[in-house]
Amino acid sequence: MSDERVVFFRPFPFEAGQKITIEEGPRRGDWQVLDCSERKVKLRCPVTQREVEWDRFCYVVEERSHEPWPHRH
């Protein structure tokens, strides 16, 4: 096992009522969180009122140097 630079991801803890902005990608834009479960998040565009339901997605939370890779679980 060697020490490597590793990027960690975890699901974002969405809450109904939150106003979010996704800065990049096909989902970019402003959204209001309508509902969320362990697997899905339902959002509404404040401009068009379009509602979508997507699988929950992750964000880069932190990047660490000198992490053992691969991890043992």
N, C-alpha and C. Protein backbone atom coordinates (compact mmCIF):
# COMPACT_ATOMS: atom_id res chain seq x y z
N MET A 1 0.85 -1.17 0.00
CA MET A 1 0.00 0.00 0.00
C MET A 1 0.90 1.24 0.00
N SER A 2 0.51 2.23 -0.79
CA SER A 2 1.31 3.45 -0.84
C SER A 2 0.43 4.64 -0.47
N ASP A 3 1.07 5.75 -0.11
CA ASP A 3 0.35 6.99 0.18
C ASP A 3 0.09 7.72 -1.12
N GLU A 4 -1.16 8.06 -1.37
CA GLU A 4 -1.55 8.74 -2.60
C GLU A 4 -2.45 9.92 -2.27
N ARG A 5 -2.62 10.83 -3.23
CA ARG A 5 -3.56 11.94 -3.09
C ARG A 5 -4.94 11.38 -3.45
N VAL A 6 -5.91 11.55 -2.55
CA VAL A 6 -7.22 10.93 -2.70
C VAL A 6 -8.31 11.99 -2.58
N VAL A 7 -9.32 11.96 -3.45
CA VAL A 7 -10.46 12.87 -3.39
C VAL A 7 -11.62 12.12 -2.74
N PHE A 8 -12.26 12.72 -1.74
CA PHE A 8 -13.36 12.10 -1.03
C PHE A 8 -14.69 12.73 -1.44
N PHE A 9 -15.71 11.92 -1.59
CA PHE A 9 -17.06 12.38 -1.92
C PHE A 9 -18.01 11.85 -0.85
N ARG A 10 -19.06 12.61 -0.59
CA ARG A 10 -20.14 12.10 0.26
C ARG A 10 -21.42 12.79 -0.18
N PRO A 11 -22.56 12.15 0.04
CA PRO A 11 -23.82 12.77 -0.38
C PRO A 11 -24.05 14.08 0.37
N PHE A 12 -24.54 15.06 -0.34
CA PHE A 12 -24.87 16.32 0.29
C PHE A 12 -26.16 16.16 1.08
N PRO A 13 -26.24 16.67 2.29
CA PRO A 13 -27.45 16.50 3.12
C PRO A 13 -28.54 17.51 2.76
N PHE A 14 -29.19 17.30 1.60
CA PHE A 14 -30.25 18.20 1.17
C PHE A 14 -31.38 18.24 2.20
N GLU A 15 -32.02 19.40 2.30
CA GLU A 15 -33.19 19.58 3.16
C GLU A 15 -34.26 20.34 2.38
N ALA A 16 -35.50 19.92 2.51
CA ALA A 16 -36.61 20.61 1.84
C ALA A 16 -36.58 22.09 2.18
N GLY A 17 -36.80 22.91 1.18
CA GLY A 17 -36.82 24.37 1.37
C GLY A 17 -35.51 25.05 1.02
N GLN A 18 -34.42 24.29 0.94
CA GLN A 18 -33.13 24.91 0.62
C GLN A 18 -33.15 25.50 -0.78
N LYS A 19 -32.44 26.59 -0.93
CA LYS A 19 -32.22 27.20 -2.24
C LYS A 19 -30.76 26.92 -2.59
N ILE A 20 -30.55 26.29 -3.75
CA ILE A 20 -29.20 25.89 -4.14
C ILE A 20 -28.87 26.43 -5.53
N THR A 21 -27.60 26.57 -5.80
CA THR A 21 -27.10 26.91 -7.13
C THR A 21 -26.09 25.86 -7.52
N ILE A 22 -26.32 25.22 -8.65
CA ILE A 22 -25.37 24.26 -9.21
C ILE A 22 -24.59 25.02 -10.26
N GLU A 23 -23.28 25.12 -10.07
CA GLU A 23 -22.47 26.01 -10.90
C GLU A 23 -22.05 25.43 -12.25
N GLU A 24 -22.00 24.12 -12.38
CA GLU A 24 -21.53 23.54 -13.63
C GLU A 24 -22.31 22.30 -13.99
N GLY A 25 -22.20 21.89 -15.25
CA GLY A 25 -22.79 20.65 -15.71
C GLY A 25 -24.21 20.81 -16.22
N PRO A 26 -24.82 19.72 -16.66
CA PRO A 26 -26.15 19.78 -17.26
C PRO A 26 -27.25 20.19 -16.27
N ARG A 27 -26.99 20.09 -14.98
CA ARG A 27 -27.97 20.47 -13.95
C ARG A 27 -27.76 21.88 -13.44
N ARG A 28 -26.82 22.61 -14.06
CA ARG A 28 -26.46 23.93 -13.52
C ARG A 28 -27.66 24.86 -13.48
N GLY A 29 -27.61 25.76 -12.51
CA GLY A 29 -28.67 26.73 -12.35
C GLY A 29 -29.14 26.79 -10.91
N ASP A 30 -30.16 27.57 -10.70
CA ASP A 30 -30.75 27.73 -9.37
C ASP A 30 -31.91 26.76 -9.21
N TRP A 31 -32.00 26.19 -8.02
CA TRP A 31 -33.05 25.22 -7.71
C TRP A 31 -33.50 25.38 -6.28
N GLN A 32 -34.75 25.02 -6.04
CA GLN A 32 -35.25 24.91 -4.67
C GLN A 32 -35.49 23.43 -4.40
N VAL A 33 -35.04 22.97 -3.25
CA VAL A 33 -35.22 21.57 -2.87
C VAL A 33 -36.66 21.41 -2.37
N LEU A 34 -37.41 20.54 -3.03
CA LEU A 34 -38.79 20.28 -2.62
C LEU A 34 -38.88 19.11 -1.66
N ASP A 35 -38.10 18.08 -1.93
CA ASP A 35 -38.16 16.87 -1.11
C ASP A 35 -36.89 16.08 -1.35
N CYS A 36 -36.54 15.23 -0.41
CA CYS A 36 -35.39 14.35 -0.62
C CYS A 36 -35.56 13.09 0.21
N SER A 37 -35.01 12.02 -0.32
CA SER A 37 -35.01 10.75 0.37
C SER A 37 -33.57 10.24 0.36
N GLU A 38 -33.38 9.03 0.80
CA GLU A 38 -32.03 8.48 0.79
C GLU A 38 -31.49 8.34 -0.63
N ARG A 39 -32.38 8.17 -1.60
CA ARG A 39 -31.95 7.92 -2.98
C ARG A 39 -32.24 9.06 -3.97
N LYS A 40 -33.25 9.85 -3.73
CA LYS A 40 -33.69 10.86 -4.70
C LYS A 40 -33.75 12.25 -4.08
N VAL A 41 -33.64 13.26 -4.96
CA VAL A 41 -33.86 14.64 -4.55
C VAL A 41 -34.79 15.26 -5.60
N LYS A 42 -35.83 15.96 -5.12
CA LYS A 42 -36.79 16.60 -6.01
C LYS A 42 -36.56 18.10 -5.95
N LEU A 43 -36.36 18.71 -7.12
CA LEU A 43 -36.02 20.13 -7.21
C LEU A 43 -37.01 20.87 -8.11
N ARG A 44 -37.12 22.20 -7.88
CA ARG A 44 -37.93 23.06 -8.74
C ARG A 44 -37.10 24.25 -9.18
N CYS A 45 -37.17 24.55 -10.48
CA CYS A 45 -36.51 25.74 -11.01
C CYS A 45 -37.37 26.95 -10.64
N PRO A 46 -36.78 27.98 -10.00
CA PRO A 46 -37.57 29.14 -9.59
C PRO A 46 -38.01 30.01 -10.77
N VAL A 47 -37.39 29.84 -11.93
CA VAL A 47 -37.74 30.65 -13.10
C VAL A 47 -38.85 30.00 -13.91
N THR A 48 -38.66 28.74 -14.29
CA THR A 48 -39.63 28.05 -15.15
C THR A 48 -40.66 27.25 -14.36
N GLN A 49 -40.41 27.04 -13.06
CA GLN A 49 -41.26 26.21 -12.20
C GLN A 49 -41.19 24.73 -12.58
N ARG A 50 -40.28 24.38 -13.45
CA ARG A 50 -40.10 22.96 -13.84
C ARG A 50 -39.63 22.16 -12.64
N GLU A 51 -40.23 21.01 -12.42
CA GLU A 51 -39.83 20.14 -11.32
C GLU A 51 -39.14 18.91 -11.89
N VAL A 52 -38.06 18.50 -11.23
CA VAL A 52 -37.30 17.33 -11.64
C VAL A 52 -37.01 16.48 -10.41
N GLU A 53 -36.83 15.20 -10.62
CA GLU A 53 -36.41 14.31 -9.55
C GLU A 53 -35.20 13.54 -10.05
N TRP A 54 -34.10 13.67 -9.35
CA TRP A 54 -32.85 13.04 -9.74
C TRP A 54 -32.35 12.16 -8.62
N ASP A 55 -31.48 11.21 -8.99
CA ASP A 55 -30.74 10.49 -7.97
C ASP A 55 -29.92 11.51 -7.21
N ARG A 56 -29.78 11.30 -5.91
CA ARG A 56 -28.95 12.23 -5.12
C ARG A 56 -27.54 12.23 -5.69
N PHE A 57 -26.92 13.37 -5.64
CA PHE A 57 -25.58 13.48 -6.19
C PHE A 57 -24.62 13.97 -5.13
N CYS A 58 -23.34 13.85 -5.42
CA CYS A 58 -22.29 14.14 -4.45
C CYS A 58 -21.49 15.35 -4.90
N TYR A 59 -20.76 15.91 -3.97
CA TYR A 59 -19.86 17.01 -4.24
C TYR A 59 -18.50 16.67 -3.68
N VAL A 60 -17.45 17.27 -4.24
CA VAL A 60 -16.13 17.12 -3.65
C VAL A 60 -16.19 17.78 -2.29
N VAL A 61 -15.82 17.04 -1.28
CA VAL A 61 -15.87 17.56 0.07
C VAL A 61 -14.48 18.01 0.51
N GLU A 62 -13.49 17.20 0.23
CA GLU A 62 -12.13 17.58 0.56
C GLU A 62 -11.16 16.72 -0.23
N GLU A 63 -9.96 17.16 -0.28
CA GLU A 63 -8.89 16.41 -0.93
C GLU A 63 -7.76 16.29 0.07
N ARG A 64 -7.25 15.08 0.25
CA ARG A 64 -6.20 14.84 1.24
C ARG A 64 -4.96 14.28 0.58
N SER A 65 -3.81 14.69 1.08
CA SER A 65 -2.54 14.13 0.62
C SER A 65 -2.13 12.99 1.53
N HIS A 66 -1.33 12.13 1.01
CA HIS A 66 -0.70 11.05 1.79
C HIS A 66 -1.73 10.11 2.43
N GLU A 67 -2.74 9.75 1.66
CA GLU A 67 -3.75 8.80 2.11
C GLU A 67 -3.39 7.42 1.62
N PRO A 68 -3.57 6.39 2.44
CA PRO A 68 -3.35 5.04 1.94
C PRO A 68 -4.36 4.72 0.83
N TRP A 69 -3.89 4.07 -0.20
CA TRP A 69 -4.79 3.72 -1.31
C TRP A 69 -4.40 2.36 -1.84
N PRO A 70 -5.36 1.45 -2.04
CA PRO A 70 -6.79 1.60 -1.75
C PRO A 70 -7.09 1.46 -0.27
N HIS A 71 -8.29 1.95 0.11
CA HIS A 71 -8.72 1.84 1.50
C HIS A 71 -9.17 0.41 1.79
N ARG A 72 -9.02 0.02 2.99
CA ARG A 72 -9.54 -1.29 3.42
C ARG A 72 -10.81 -1.03 4.20
N HIS A 73 -11.90 -1.66 3.76
CA HIS A 73 -13.21 -1.44 4.41
C HIS A 73 -13.62 -2.63 5.19
